[in-house]
Amino acid sequence: MLNDFWETAPPAYKYAVFAGMGLTFIGIVIIILGAITSTASMTYIALPFIGVGLLAHMASLGLRGRNIRKELKAGEKREAAREAQNRNKKK
């Protein structure tokens, strides 16, 4: 279990992370362009992009937590099966 989480992460987690980063980046670029061109309405256009990007990041955290809990539960079951097998061998 020495693998990095990214190597074993589910595709849904990866998509959510990249979507969140991309949407947040787009929102920041729109805000910067609005500041350079002195267009206040661009700031309001960018806010939903940043908001959805942050929500995607939070969803990815939930996906990651769910995957980790699932892996831990599977590891506990494997360990319990090994212990039961070892007890049966000793008898």
N, C-alpha and C. Protein backbone atom coordinates (compact mmCIF):
# COMPACT_ATOMS: atom_id res chain seq x y z
N MET A 1 0.83 -1.19 0.00
CA MET A 1 0.00 0.00 0.00
C MET A 1 0.87 1.25 0.00
N LEU A 2 2.00 1.17 -0.67
CA LEU A 2 2.91 2.30 -0.73
C LEU A 2 2.64 3.21 -1.92
N ASN A 3 1.59 2.91 -2.69
CA ASN A 3 1.28 3.73 -3.86
C ASN A 3 0.77 5.09 -3.43
N ASP A 4 1.06 6.07 -4.26
CA ASP A 4 0.50 7.39 -4.07
C ASP A 4 -1.00 7.32 -4.35
N PHE A 5 -1.78 8.13 -3.66
CA PHE A 5 -3.23 8.06 -3.84
C PHE A 5 -3.62 8.37 -5.28
N TRP A 6 -2.92 9.28 -5.91
CA TRP A 6 -3.28 9.66 -7.27
C TRP A 6 -3.20 8.48 -8.23
N GLU A 7 -2.25 7.57 -8.00
CA GLU A 7 -2.10 6.41 -8.87
C GLU A 7 -3.29 5.47 -8.76
N THR A 8 -3.86 5.36 -7.59
CA THR A 8 -4.96 4.42 -7.37
C THR A 8 -6.32 5.11 -7.26
N ALA A 9 -6.35 6.41 -7.48
CA ALA A 9 -7.60 7.17 -7.32
C ALA A 9 -8.60 6.79 -8.41
N PRO A 10 -9.88 6.81 -8.06
CA PRO A 10 -10.90 6.52 -9.08
C PRO A 10 -10.97 7.65 -10.10
N PRO A 11 -11.38 7.34 -11.32
CA PRO A 11 -11.47 8.37 -12.36
C PRO A 11 -12.40 9.53 -12.00
N ALA A 12 -13.48 9.25 -11.28
CA ALA A 12 -14.41 10.33 -10.91
C ALA A 12 -13.70 11.38 -10.06
N TYR A 13 -12.80 10.94 -9.18
CA TYR A 13 -12.05 11.88 -8.34
C TYR A 13 -11.15 12.76 -9.21
N LYS A 14 -10.46 12.13 -10.15
CA LYS A 14 -9.55 12.88 -11.02
C LYS A 14 -10.31 13.90 -11.86
N TYR A 15 -11.46 13.50 -12.42
CA TYR A 15 -12.26 14.42 -13.22
C TYR A 15 -12.75 15.59 -12.37
N ALA A 16 -13.19 15.32 -11.16
CA ALA A 16 -13.69 16.38 -10.30
C ALA A 16 -12.59 17.36 -9.92
N VAL A 17 -11.40 16.84 -9.65
CA VAL A 17 -10.28 17.72 -9.30
C VAL A 17 -9.91 18.61 -10.48
N PHE A 18 -9.78 18.03 -11.65
CA PHE A 18 -9.40 18.83 -12.82
C PHE A 18 -10.51 19.80 -13.22
N ALA A 19 -11.75 19.39 -13.11
CA ALA A 19 -12.86 20.30 -13.41
C ALA A 19 -12.84 21.48 -12.44
N GLY A 20 -12.63 21.20 -11.17
CA GLY A 20 -12.56 22.27 -10.17
C GLY A 20 -11.43 23.24 -10.44
N MET A 21 -10.26 22.69 -10.75
CA MET A 21 -9.12 23.57 -11.04
C MET A 21 -9.36 24.39 -12.29
N GLY A 22 -9.92 23.75 -13.32
CA GLY A 22 -10.16 24.46 -14.57
C GLY A 22 -11.18 25.57 -14.43
N LEU A 23 -12.29 25.28 -13.77
CA LEU A 23 -13.32 26.30 -13.59
C LEU A 23 -12.82 27.45 -12.72
N THR A 24 -12.08 27.14 -11.68
CA THR A 24 -11.53 28.20 -10.83
C THR A 24 -10.55 29.06 -11.62
N PHE A 25 -9.72 28.43 -12.43
CA PHE A 25 -8.76 29.16 -13.26
C PHE A 25 -9.48 30.08 -14.24
N ILE A 26 -10.52 29.57 -14.89
CA ILE A 26 -11.28 30.38 -15.83
C ILE A 26 -11.89 31.59 -15.12
N GLY A 27 -12.43 31.37 -13.93
CA GLY A 27 -13.00 32.48 -13.16
C GLY A 27 -11.97 33.52 -12.80
N ILE A 28 -10.79 33.09 -12.41
CA ILE A 28 -9.73 34.04 -12.04
C ILE A 28 -9.29 34.83 -13.26
N VAL A 29 -9.16 34.16 -14.39
CA VAL A 29 -8.76 34.86 -15.62
C VAL A 29 -9.80 35.90 -16.01
N ILE A 30 -11.08 35.55 -15.90
CA ILE A 30 -12.14 36.51 -16.24
C ILE A 30 -12.10 37.72 -15.29
N ILE A 31 -11.84 37.47 -14.01
CA ILE A 31 -11.74 38.59 -13.06
C ILE A 31 -10.56 39.49 -13.40
N ILE A 32 -9.44 38.89 -13.75
CA ILE A 32 -8.26 39.69 -14.10
C ILE A 32 -8.54 40.51 -15.36
N LEU A 33 -9.16 39.87 -16.36
CA LEU A 33 -9.51 40.62 -17.58
C LEU A 33 -10.48 41.75 -17.27
N GLY A 34 -11.42 41.50 -16.39
CA GLY A 34 -12.36 42.56 -15.99
C GLY A 34 -11.68 43.71 -15.28
N ALA A 35 -10.67 43.38 -14.47
CA ALA A 35 -9.94 44.44 -13.77
C ALA A 35 -9.07 45.24 -14.73
N ILE A 36 -8.48 44.55 -15.71
CA ILE A 36 -7.63 45.25 -16.67
C ILE A 36 -8.46 46.18 -17.56
N THR A 37 -9.63 45.68 -17.98
CA THR A 37 -10.47 46.48 -18.89
C THR A 37 -11.46 47.37 -18.14
N SER A 38 -11.42 47.37 -16.84
CA SER A 38 -12.33 48.16 -15.99
C SER A 38 -13.80 47.85 -16.28
N THR A 39 -14.08 46.57 -16.48
CA THR A 39 -15.45 46.12 -16.72
C THR A 39 -15.93 45.39 -15.47
N ALA A 40 -16.75 46.06 -14.69
CA ALA A 40 -17.20 45.48 -13.43
C ALA A 40 -18.11 44.27 -13.64
N SER A 41 -18.83 44.24 -14.74
CA SER A 41 -19.75 43.12 -14.96
C SER A 41 -19.01 41.80 -15.16
N MET A 42 -17.76 41.86 -15.61
CA MET A 42 -16.99 40.62 -15.77
C MET A 42 -16.72 39.95 -14.43
N THR A 43 -16.61 40.77 -13.39
CA THR A 43 -16.41 40.21 -12.06
C THR A 43 -17.60 39.35 -11.67
N TYR A 44 -18.79 39.84 -11.96
CA TYR A 44 -19.99 39.08 -11.60
C TYR A 44 -20.16 37.85 -12.50
N ILE A 45 -19.66 37.92 -13.71
CA ILE A 45 -19.70 36.77 -14.60
C ILE A 45 -18.76 35.68 -14.09
N ALA A 46 -17.64 36.07 -13.50
CA ALA A 46 -16.61 35.12 -13.06
C ALA A 46 -16.98 34.40 -11.76
N LEU A 47 -17.78 35.02 -10.94
CA LEU A 47 -18.09 34.43 -9.63
C LEU A 47 -18.73 33.04 -9.72
N PRO A 48 -19.68 32.80 -10.63
CA PRO A 48 -20.21 31.43 -10.72
C PRO A 48 -19.16 30.39 -11.12
N PHE A 49 -18.22 30.79 -11.99
CA PHE A 49 -17.15 29.86 -12.37
C PHE A 49 -16.33 29.46 -11.15
N ILE A 50 -15.97 30.43 -10.35
CA ILE A 50 -15.18 30.15 -9.15
C ILE A 50 -15.99 29.33 -8.16
N GLY A 51 -17.26 29.69 -7.99
CA GLY A 51 -18.12 28.95 -7.06
C GLY A 51 -18.28 27.49 -7.46
N VAL A 52 -18.55 27.24 -8.74
CA VAL A 52 -18.71 25.86 -9.20
C VAL A 52 -17.38 25.12 -9.11
N GLY A 53 -16.29 25.82 -9.37
CA GLY A 53 -14.97 25.20 -9.23
C GLY A 53 -14.70 24.76 -7.80
N LEU A 54 -15.06 25.61 -6.84
CA LEU A 54 -14.88 25.24 -5.44
C LEU A 54 -15.80 24.08 -5.04
N LEU A 55 -17.02 24.08 -5.56
CA LEU A 55 -17.92 22.96 -5.28
C LEU A 55 -17.39 21.65 -5.86
N ALA A 56 -16.78 21.73 -7.04
CA ALA A 56 -16.19 20.53 -7.63
C ALA A 56 -15.03 20.02 -6.77
N HIS A 57 -14.24 20.95 -6.24
CA HIS A 57 -13.15 20.54 -5.33
C HIS A 57 -13.71 19.86 -4.09
N MET A 58 -14.77 20.40 -3.54
CA MET A 58 -15.36 19.80 -2.34
C MET A 58 -15.95 18.43 -2.66
N ALA A 59 -16.55 18.31 -3.83
CA ALA A 59 -17.08 17.00 -4.24
C ALA A 59 -15.95 16.00 -4.40
N SER A 60 -14.80 16.45 -4.91
CA SER A 60 -13.67 15.53 -5.05
C SER A 60 -13.16 15.07 -3.69
N LEU A 61 -13.21 15.96 -2.69
CA LEU A 61 -12.83 15.55 -1.34
C LEU A 61 -13.76 14.47 -0.82
N GLY A 62 -15.05 14.62 -1.08
CA GLY A 62 -16.02 13.60 -0.68
C GLY A 62 -15.76 12.28 -1.38
N LEU A 63 -15.45 12.33 -2.67
CA LEU A 63 -15.15 11.11 -3.42
C LEU A 63 -13.89 10.44 -2.88
N ARG A 64 -12.91 11.25 -2.55
CA ARG A 64 -11.66 10.69 -2.01
C ARG A 64 -11.91 10.03 -0.66
N GLY A 65 -12.66 10.70 0.20
CA GLY A 65 -12.96 10.13 1.51
C GLY A 65 -13.73 8.83 1.41
N ARG A 66 -14.70 8.80 0.50
CA ARG A 66 -15.49 7.58 0.31
C ARG A 66 -14.60 6.42 -0.16
N ASN A 67 -13.69 6.72 -1.09
CA ASN A 67 -12.79 5.68 -1.59
C ASN A 67 -11.85 5.19 -0.49
N ILE A 68 -11.35 6.09 0.31
CA ILE A 68 -10.44 5.69 1.39
C ILE A 68 -11.17 4.83 2.42
N ARG A 69 -12.40 5.22 2.78
CA ARG A 69 -13.17 4.41 3.73
C ARG A 69 -13.43 3.01 3.17
N LYS A 70 -13.72 2.93 1.87
CA LYS A 70 -13.97 1.65 1.23
C LYS A 70 -12.71 0.78 1.26
N GLU A 71 -11.56 1.38 0.97
CA GLU A 71 -10.30 0.64 0.99
C GLU A 71 -9.94 0.18 2.40
N LEU A 72 -10.17 1.02 3.39
CA LEU A 72 -9.88 0.63 4.76
C LEU A 72 -10.76 -0.53 5.21
N LYS A 73 -12.04 -0.48 4.84
CA LYS A 73 -12.96 -1.55 5.20
C LYS A 73 -12.54 -2.87 4.52
N ALA A 74 -12.12 -2.78 3.26
CA ALA A 74 -11.67 -3.98 2.55
C ALA A 74 -10.39 -4.53 3.20
N GLY A 75 -9.50 -3.64 3.63
CA GLY A 75 -8.29 -4.08 4.31
C GLY A 75 -8.58 -4.75 5.63
N GLU A 76 -9.56 -4.24 6.37
CA GLU A 76 -9.94 -4.87 7.63
C GLU A 76 -10.52 -6.25 7.41
N LYS A 77 -11.31 -6.40 6.35
CA LYS A 77 -11.88 -7.72 6.04
C LYS A 77 -10.78 -8.71 5.65
N ARG A 78 -9.81 -8.25 4.86
CA ARG A 78 -8.69 -9.13 4.49
C ARG A 78 -7.89 -9.56 5.72
N GLU A 79 -7.66 -8.60 6.62
CA GLU A 79 -6.91 -8.91 7.84
C GLU A 79 -7.67 -9.90 8.72
N ALA A 80 -8.98 -9.72 8.84
CA ALA A 80 -9.78 -10.64 9.64
C ALA A 80 -9.76 -12.04 9.02
N ALA A 81 -9.81 -12.11 7.70
CA ALA A 81 -9.76 -13.41 7.02
C ALA A 81 -8.41 -14.08 7.24
N ARG A 82 -7.33 -13.30 7.20
CA ARG A 82 -5.99 -13.86 7.45
C ARG A 82 -5.88 -14.39 8.87
N GLU A 83 -6.40 -13.62 9.83
CA GLU A 83 -6.33 -14.06 11.23
C GLU A 83 -7.13 -15.34 11.43
N ALA A 84 -8.30 -15.43 10.81
CA ALA A 84 -9.11 -16.63 10.92
C ALA A 84 -8.40 -17.82 10.28
N GLN A 85 -7.75 -17.59 9.17
CA GLN A 85 -7.01 -18.66 8.49
C GLN A 85 -5.83 -19.12 9.35
N ASN A 86 -5.14 -18.19 9.97
CA ASN A 86 -4.02 -18.55 10.84
C ASN A 86 -4.49 -19.32 12.07
N ARG A 87 -5.64 -18.94 12.62
CA ARG A 87 -6.18 -19.68 13.76
C ARG A 87 -6.54 -21.11 13.36
N ASN A 88 -7.08 -21.28 12.17
CA ASN A 88 -7.44 -22.61 11.70
C ASN A 88 -6.21 -23.47 11.45
N LYS A 89 -5.11 -22.87 11.02
CA LYS A 89 -3.87 -23.62 10.77
C LYS A 89 -3.26 -24.10 12.08
N LYS A 90 -3.38 -23.29 13.14
CA LYS A 90 -2.77 -23.64 14.42
C LYS A 90 -3.51 -24.81 15.10
N LYS A 91 -4.76 -25.03 14.76
CA LYS A 91 -5.55 -26.09 15.40
C LYS A 91 -5.21 -27.44 14.89
